[in-house]
Protein backbone atom coordinates (compact mmCIF):
# COMPACT_ATOMS: atom_id res chain seq x y z
CA UNK A 1 125.68 -41.68 34.71
CA UNK A 2 126.69 -38.93 32.35
CA UNK A 3 126.41 -39.88 28.71
CA UNK A 4 129.97 -40.10 27.46
CA UNK A 5 130.74 -38.69 24.04
CA UNK A 6 131.98 -42.09 22.97
CA UNK A 7 128.55 -43.55 23.80
CA UNK A 8 126.40 -41.01 21.94
CA UNK A 9 125.75 -39.64 18.48
CA UNK A 10 124.10 -36.21 18.31
CA UNK A 11 122.57 -36.69 21.77
CA UNK A 12 121.09 -40.06 20.93
CA UNK A 13 121.62 -43.06 23.17
CA UNK A 14 119.72 -46.24 22.34
CA UNK A 15 117.99 -48.21 25.11
CA UNK A 16 117.50 -52.00 25.14
CA UNK A 17 114.19 -52.97 23.54
CA UNK A 18 114.47 -56.31 25.33
CA UNK A 19 114.45 -54.64 28.75
CA UNK A 20 111.52 -52.39 27.86
CA UNK A 21 109.52 -55.34 26.58
CA UNK A 22 110.22 -57.27 29.80
CA UNK A 23 108.97 -54.42 31.98
CA UNK A 24 105.81 -53.96 29.90
CA UNK A 25 105.02 -57.67 29.76
CA UNK A 26 105.29 -57.93 33.52
CA UNK A 27 103.46 -54.75 34.53
CA UNK A 28 101.33 -53.19 31.75
CA UNK A 29 98.29 -54.36 29.82
CA UNK A 30 97.57 -52.18 26.77
CA UNK A 31 94.07 -51.50 25.55
CA UNK A 32 93.39 -52.12 21.88
CA UNK A 33 94.96 -49.52 19.56
CA UNK A 34 96.80 -47.58 22.26
CA UNK A 35 98.61 -44.50 20.96
CA UNK A 36 102.35 -44.74 21.75
CA UNK A 37 105.02 -42.04 21.34
CA UNK A 38 108.81 -41.90 21.41
CA UNK A 39 110.04 -38.32 20.95
CA UNK A 40 113.69 -39.39 20.79
CA UNK A 41 113.17 -42.46 18.63
CA UNK A 42 116.57 -42.77 16.93
CA UNK A 43 116.36 -45.53 14.32
CA UNK A 44 112.89 -46.48 15.56
CA UNK A 45 113.55 -49.88 17.14
CA UNK A 46 111.75 -49.18 20.43
CA UNK A 47 108.67 -47.43 18.98
CA UNK A 48 108.34 -50.10 16.26
CA UNK A 49 108.30 -52.74 19.01
CA UNK A 50 105.20 -51.10 20.56
CA UNK A 51 103.33 -51.71 17.33
CA UNK A 52 104.75 -55.11 16.41
CA UNK A 53 104.56 -56.63 19.88
CA UNK A 54 101.75 -54.76 21.59
CA UNK A 55 99.49 -53.58 18.72
CA UNK A 56 99.89 -49.83 19.35
CA UNK A 57 99.57 -46.94 16.94
CA UNK A 58 103.10 -45.58 17.07
CA UNK A 59 104.61 -42.14 16.53
CA UNK A 60 108.23 -40.97 16.68
CA UNK A 61 110.44 -37.88 16.47
CA UNK A 62 114.12 -37.96 15.51
CA UNK A 63 116.53 -35.06 14.99
CA UNK A 64 119.14 -36.77 12.81
CA UNK A 65 118.25 -37.16 9.09
CA UNK A 66 119.94 -40.55 8.63
CA UNK A 67 118.33 -42.11 11.68
CA UNK A 68 114.94 -40.61 10.80
CA UNK A 69 115.14 -42.20 7.33
CA UNK A 70 115.85 -45.59 8.90
CA UNK A 71 112.92 -45.12 11.30
CA UNK A 72 110.69 -44.06 8.37
CA UNK A 73 111.37 -47.45 6.75
CA UNK A 74 110.13 -49.31 9.83
CA UNK A 75 106.58 -50.22 10.82
CA UNK A 76 105.80 -46.82 12.38
CA UNK A 77 102.63 -44.81 11.73
CA UNK A 78 104.39 -41.45 11.58
CA UNK A 79 107.99 -40.28 12.02
CA UNK A 80 108.96 -36.61 12.27
CA UNK A 81 112.48 -35.54 11.38
CA UNK A 82 112.92 -32.44 13.51
CA UNK A 83 114.30 -30.88 16.69
CA UNK A 84 111.86 -32.25 19.28
CA UNK A 85 112.13 -29.12 21.43
CA UNK A 86 111.86 -26.34 18.83
CA UNK A 87 110.98 -27.97 15.52
CA UNK A 88 107.61 -29.69 16.07
CA UNK A 89 104.00 -28.57 16.15
CA UNK A 90 102.00 -30.97 18.34
CA UNK A 91 98.84 -31.43 20.31
CA UNK A 92 98.83 -32.18 24.03
CA UNK A 93 96.89 -34.84 25.97
CA UNK A 94 96.56 -37.57 23.30
CA UNK A 95 99.23 -40.23 24.01
CA UNK A 96 98.26 -43.39 25.90
CA UNK A 97 101.84 -44.63 26.41
CA UNK A 98 104.59 -42.03 26.36
CA UNK A 99 108.12 -43.48 26.19
CA UNK A 100 110.63 -40.74 27.04
CA UNK A 101 114.37 -41.35 26.74
CA UNK A 102 115.72 -37.77 26.72
CA UNK A 103 119.33 -36.73 26.16
CA UNK A 104 121.23 -36.03 29.37
CA UNK A 105 123.14 -32.81 28.70
CA UNK A 106 122.91 -29.04 28.93
CA UNK A 107 121.07 -26.91 26.35
CA UNK A 108 122.60 -23.72 24.94
CA UNK A 109 120.73 -21.63 27.54
CA UNK A 110 122.25 -23.70 30.37
CA UNK A 111 119.09 -25.64 31.29
CA UNK A 112 119.20 -29.40 31.45
CA UNK A 113 117.87 -31.05 28.27
CA UNK A 114 115.98 -33.71 30.18
CA UNK A 115 114.06 -30.92 31.95
CA UNK A 116 113.13 -29.35 28.61
CA UNK A 117 111.98 -32.71 27.21
CA UNK A 118 109.81 -33.42 30.26
CA UNK A 119 108.20 -29.97 30.10
CA UNK A 120 107.56 -30.19 26.34
CA UNK A 121 106.62 -33.84 25.90
CA UNK A 122 105.24 -34.84 29.27
CA UNK A 123 102.22 -32.73 28.33
CA UNK A 124 101.35 -35.04 25.40
CA UNK A 125 100.24 -37.86 27.73
CA UNK A 126 96.45 -38.08 28.01
CA UNK A 127 94.88 -38.09 31.50
CA UNK A 128 94.88 -41.73 32.50
CA UNK A 129 97.86 -42.44 30.22
CA UNK A 130 101.29 -43.73 31.25
CA UNK A 131 104.74 -42.18 30.96
CA UNK A 132 107.83 -44.40 31.09
CA UNK A 133 110.87 -42.20 31.75
CA UNK A 134 114.40 -43.54 31.18
CA UNK A 135 116.52 -42.12 33.98
CA UNK A 136 120.03 -42.35 35.42
CA UNK A 137 121.47 -41.51 38.85
CA UNK A 138 123.00 -38.18 37.68
CA UNK A 139 119.52 -36.89 36.76
CA UNK A 140 117.67 -38.08 39.85
CA UNK A 141 117.06 -34.68 41.41
CA UNK A 142 114.06 -33.03 43.04
CA UNK A 143 113.83 -30.54 40.12
CA UNK A 144 112.73 -33.34 37.78
CA UNK A 145 110.33 -34.76 40.37
CA UNK A 146 108.73 -31.31 40.78
CA UNK A 147 108.32 -30.85 37.00
CA UNK A 148 106.54 -34.21 36.75
CA UNK A 149 104.33 -33.38 39.73
CA UNK A 150 103.36 -30.04 38.11
CA UNK A 151 102.15 -31.96 35.06
CA UNK A 152 99.82 -34.09 37.18
CA UNK A 153 101.86 -37.31 37.36
CA UNK A 154 101.79 -39.91 40.14
CA UNK A 155 104.43 -42.69 40.25
CA UNK A 156 103.65 -46.39 39.97
CA UNK A 157 107.21 -47.75 40.43
CA UNK A 158 110.87 -47.33 39.56
CA UNK A 159 112.58 -50.42 38.22
CA UNK A 160 115.92 -51.62 36.84
CA UNK A 161 116.78 -54.71 34.89
CA UNK A 162 119.81 -56.43 36.53
CA UNK A 163 120.61 -58.13 33.22
CA UNK A 164 120.70 -54.86 31.27
CA UNK A 165 124.19 -53.75 30.28
CA UNK A 166 123.23 -50.08 30.66
CA UNK A 167 122.25 -50.76 34.29
CA UNK A 168 125.51 -52.64 34.93
CA UNK A 169 127.62 -49.87 33.39
CA UNK A 170 125.72 -46.72 34.24
CA UNK A 171 122.91 -47.52 36.69
CA UNK A 172 120.17 -46.80 34.15
CA UNK A 173 116.62 -47.49 35.30
CA UNK A 174 112.98 -46.62 34.47
CA UNK A 175 110.20 -44.84 36.34
CA UNK A 176 106.62 -45.58 35.30
CA UNK A 177 103.99 -42.94 36.07
CA UNK A 178 100.31 -42.24 35.48
CA UNK A 179 99.09 -38.80 34.46
CA UNK A 180 96.17 -38.41 36.82
CA UNK A 181 94.91 -34.91 35.94
CA UNK A 182 96.55 -31.67 34.85
CA UNK A 183 95.65 -30.03 38.16
CA UNK A 184 96.57 -33.05 40.29
CA UNK A 185 99.57 -32.60 42.59
CA UNK A 186 101.15 -35.68 44.10
CA UNK A 187 102.93 -35.44 47.44
CA UNK A 188 106.61 -34.63 46.79
CA UNK A 189 108.00 -36.88 49.52
CA UNK A 190 105.99 -39.87 48.33
CA UNK A 191 106.92 -39.15 44.69
CA UNK A 192 110.60 -38.78 45.59
CA UNK A 193 110.58 -42.03 47.56
CA UNK A 194 109.44 -44.01 44.50
CA UNK A 195 111.46 -41.91 42.05
CA UNK A 196 114.81 -42.35 43.78
CA UNK A 197 114.53 -45.98 44.98
CA UNK A 198 114.29 -48.37 42.01
CA UNK A 199 113.66 -52.05 42.61
CA UNK A 200 114.90 -54.99 40.59
CA UNK A 201 112.60 -56.20 37.84
CA UNK A 202 112.95 -59.69 39.31
CA UNK A 203 111.45 -58.48 42.61
CA UNK A 204 108.77 -56.20 41.15
CA UNK A 205 105.22 -57.45 41.75
CA UNK A 206 101.91 -55.71 41.09
CA UNK A 207 98.51 -56.88 42.37
CA UNK A 208 97.07 -56.27 38.90
CA UNK A 209 98.54 -54.89 35.66
CA UNK A 210 98.46 -51.21 34.80
CA UNK A 211 95.91 -50.48 32.08
CA UNK A 212 96.67 -47.07 30.56
CA UNK A 213 94.00 -45.16 28.71
CA UNK A 214 94.36 -45.81 24.98
CA UNK A 215 94.59 -42.16 23.89
CA UNK A 216 93.26 -40.45 20.77
CA UNK A 217 94.67 -39.45 17.36
CA UNK A 218 96.68 -36.22 17.58
CA UNK A 219 95.05 -33.12 16.11
CA UNK A 220 98.51 -31.76 15.32
CA UNK A 221 101.74 -33.72 14.91
CA UNK A 222 104.04 -32.28 12.22
CA UNK A 223 107.40 -30.67 11.53
CA UNK A 224 107.54 -26.88 11.53
CA UNK A 225 109.89 -27.15 8.53
CA UNK A 226 109.34 -30.21 6.40
CA UNK A 227 112.71 -31.94 5.72
CA UNK A 228 113.88 -31.69 2.10
CA UNK A 229 114.21 -35.49 1.76
CA UNK A 230 110.54 -35.89 2.73
CA UNK A 231 109.49 -33.35 0.13
CA UNK A 232 111.48 -35.25 -2.47
CA UNK A 233 109.76 -38.50 -1.48
CA UNK A 234 106.31 -36.89 -1.61
CA UNK A 235 107.02 -35.42 -5.03
CA UNK A 236 108.28 -38.73 -6.39
CA UNK A 237 104.99 -40.37 -5.38
CA UNK A 238 102.79 -37.48 -6.54
CA UNK A 239 100.75 -37.27 -9.73
CA UNK A 240 102.40 -33.90 -10.27
CA UNK A 241 105.30 -35.78 -11.77
CA UNK A 242 103.14 -36.64 -14.79
CA UNK A 243 101.62 -33.19 -15.07
CA UNK A 244 104.79 -31.18 -15.31
CA UNK A 245 108.01 -32.96 -14.28
CA UNK A 246 108.22 -34.83 -17.57
CA UNK A 247 107.87 -31.53 -19.37
CA UNK A 248 110.68 -30.05 -17.28
CA UNK A 249 113.06 -32.72 -18.52
CA UNK A 250 112.20 -31.84 -22.12
CA UNK A 251 112.67 -28.10 -21.63
CA UNK A 252 115.16 -26.47 -23.98
CA UNK A 253 116.09 -22.89 -24.65
CA UNK A 254 116.90 -21.74 -28.18
CA UNK A 255 118.82 -18.67 -29.20
CA UNK A 256 121.79 -16.77 -27.87
CA UNK A 257 122.94 -16.09 -24.39
CA UNK A 258 121.00 -13.87 -22.00
CA UNK A 259 123.01 -11.43 -19.96
CA UNK A 260 120.24 -10.15 -17.64
CA UNK A 261 116.82 -11.80 -18.04
CA UNK A 262 113.86 -9.51 -18.22
CA UNK A 263 110.61 -10.46 -16.42
CA UNK A 264 109.27 -12.56 -19.30
CA UNK A 265 112.58 -14.37 -19.81
CA UNK A 266 112.88 -15.02 -16.07
CA UNK A 267 109.38 -16.55 -16.01
CA UNK A 268 110.30 -18.84 -18.92
CA UNK A 269 113.55 -19.89 -17.19
CA UNK A 270 111.75 -20.63 -13.93
CA UNK A 271 108.91 -22.53 -15.55
CA UNK A 272 111.27 -24.52 -17.73
CA UNK A 273 113.15 -25.70 -14.68
CA UNK A 274 116.31 -23.76 -15.57
CA UNK A 275 116.07 -21.88 -12.30
CA UNK A 276 115.70 -24.13 -9.28
CA UNK A 277 116.64 -22.22 -6.17
CA UNK A 278 114.95 -21.73 -2.88
CA UNK A 279 113.35 -18.30 -2.59
CA UNK A 280 112.87 -16.57 0.76
CA UNK A 281 109.53 -14.76 0.91
CA UNK A 282 108.90 -11.60 2.87
CA UNK A 283 107.16 -13.57 5.63
CA UNK A 284 110.22 -15.78 6.16
CA UNK A 285 108.84 -18.86 4.36
CA UNK A 286 110.92 -20.76 1.74
CA UNK A 287 109.54 -21.60 -1.70
CA UNK A 288 110.92 -23.61 -4.62
CA UNK A 289 109.48 -22.68 -8.00
CA UNK A 290 108.93 -25.21 -10.77
CA UNK A 291 106.52 -25.31 -13.67
CA UNK A 292 105.80 -25.95 -17.31
CA UNK A 293 106.14 -23.93 -20.50
CA UNK A 294 104.23 -24.52 -23.71
CA UNK A 295 105.02 -22.84 -27.02
CA UNK A 296 102.06 -22.02 -29.21
CA UNK A 297 101.86 -20.53 -32.73
CA UNK A 298 99.64 -17.44 -33.03
CA UNK A 299 98.77 -15.71 -36.30
CA UNK A 300 98.87 -11.93 -36.11
CA UNK A 301 97.32 -9.91 -38.94
CA UNK A 302 97.41 -6.28 -40.05
CA UNK A 303 94.93 -4.32 -42.17
CA UNK A 304 95.31 -1.65 -44.81
CA UNK A 305 93.43 1.62 -45.02
CA UNK A 306 90.50 -0.14 -46.72
CA UNK A 307 90.07 -2.53 -43.81
CA UNK A 308 91.44 -5.48 -45.69
CA UNK A 309 94.00 -7.90 -44.31
CA UNK A 310 97.22 -7.24 -46.11
CA UNK A 311 99.63 -9.32 -44.07
CA UNK A 312 99.78 -12.18 -41.65
CA UNK A 313 102.60 -13.22 -39.38
CA UNK A 314 103.02 -16.39 -37.33
CA UNK A 315 104.64 -15.74 -33.97
CA UNK A 316 105.59 -17.87 -30.99
CA UNK A 317 103.69 -17.31 -27.76
CA UNK A 318 104.72 -18.96 -24.50
CA UNK A 319 102.15 -19.85 -21.87
CA UNK A 320 103.46 -20.75 -18.43
CA UNK A 321 102.13 -22.33 -15.28
CA UNK A 322 104.42 -22.01 -12.29
CA UNK A 323 104.06 -24.10 -9.15
CA UNK A 324 105.44 -22.86 -5.85
CA UNK A 325 106.45 -25.61 -3.45
CA UNK A 326 106.34 -24.05 0.03
CA UNK A 327 108.96 -26.01 1.99
CA UNK A 328 108.06 -24.30 5.23
CA UNK A 329 104.39 -25.34 5.20
CA UNK A 330 104.76 -28.38 2.90
CA UNK A 331 102.12 -27.30 0.40
CA UNK A 332 101.80 -26.31 -3.29
CA UNK A 333 100.68 -22.97 -4.71
CA UNK A 334 99.80 -22.62 -8.39
CA UNK A 335 100.74 -19.43 -10.19
CA UNK A 336 99.29 -18.79 -13.67
């Protein structure tokens, strides 16, 4: 099946959680605290199910902001809102159960997207872990089989759910594989035989359940560019709100208009929250500047020729602390 435009939104096509649960219950026995991943998680229904129903630690990636926000509200350990191909920093070889439901389309460079997803995310499965790939007849080609073989996978079975509407309409099915070793190379003919000949879930029978390795916590799993809505959420929960955000709301500027601010005036404007624009640094990173301004009274004196104080003047002195919020790396920098 080709994914029709009427059936997709931004490359996302949801798969039945009921069917996935049926396959797992019949064929897979998870170890305690297995690490599960869905790199195309949409609104998070499938990856949440791995935690709620099977006790997994669960991780997801979603490109669309609105769907990522919905997934973030679910029972999911960590959701990234990013382009899964180019927008994520990640470790390899940590996932115990890798659920992969890639988009079926062509990338801008002409390569199939499902090929790119397999190359990028197939590597996250730990040796001894399991990959469940959602597949359709239009993508069942030897190129995909070869890519999976080159990552050290061996097939357990291919299966379809005759009660699944996606199978009835499009022929969708699932192939379940074990990542044996990175340097393991399964026989192509044997792989292709399992890959291209799915059996009905009703007829599928295993002598004993598959027990994937549980996996380990990822050393790296983060967006390259932290989404703005996540930064806003982090700031709203941060103690920084009490240290300077309340002061920003009180900030006022007295006096006449300023045509072109000098350096001191610009610093006051930035620190008072009057300037709130993203700045692009020389290294390509984006920074938002915010801070606080405090006005203090200082007495300045002058002396006569005899060394005696002959005048005193009270003047206003502004002290500023500016915080740079690096939206590229998701961290704060304090400027004083």
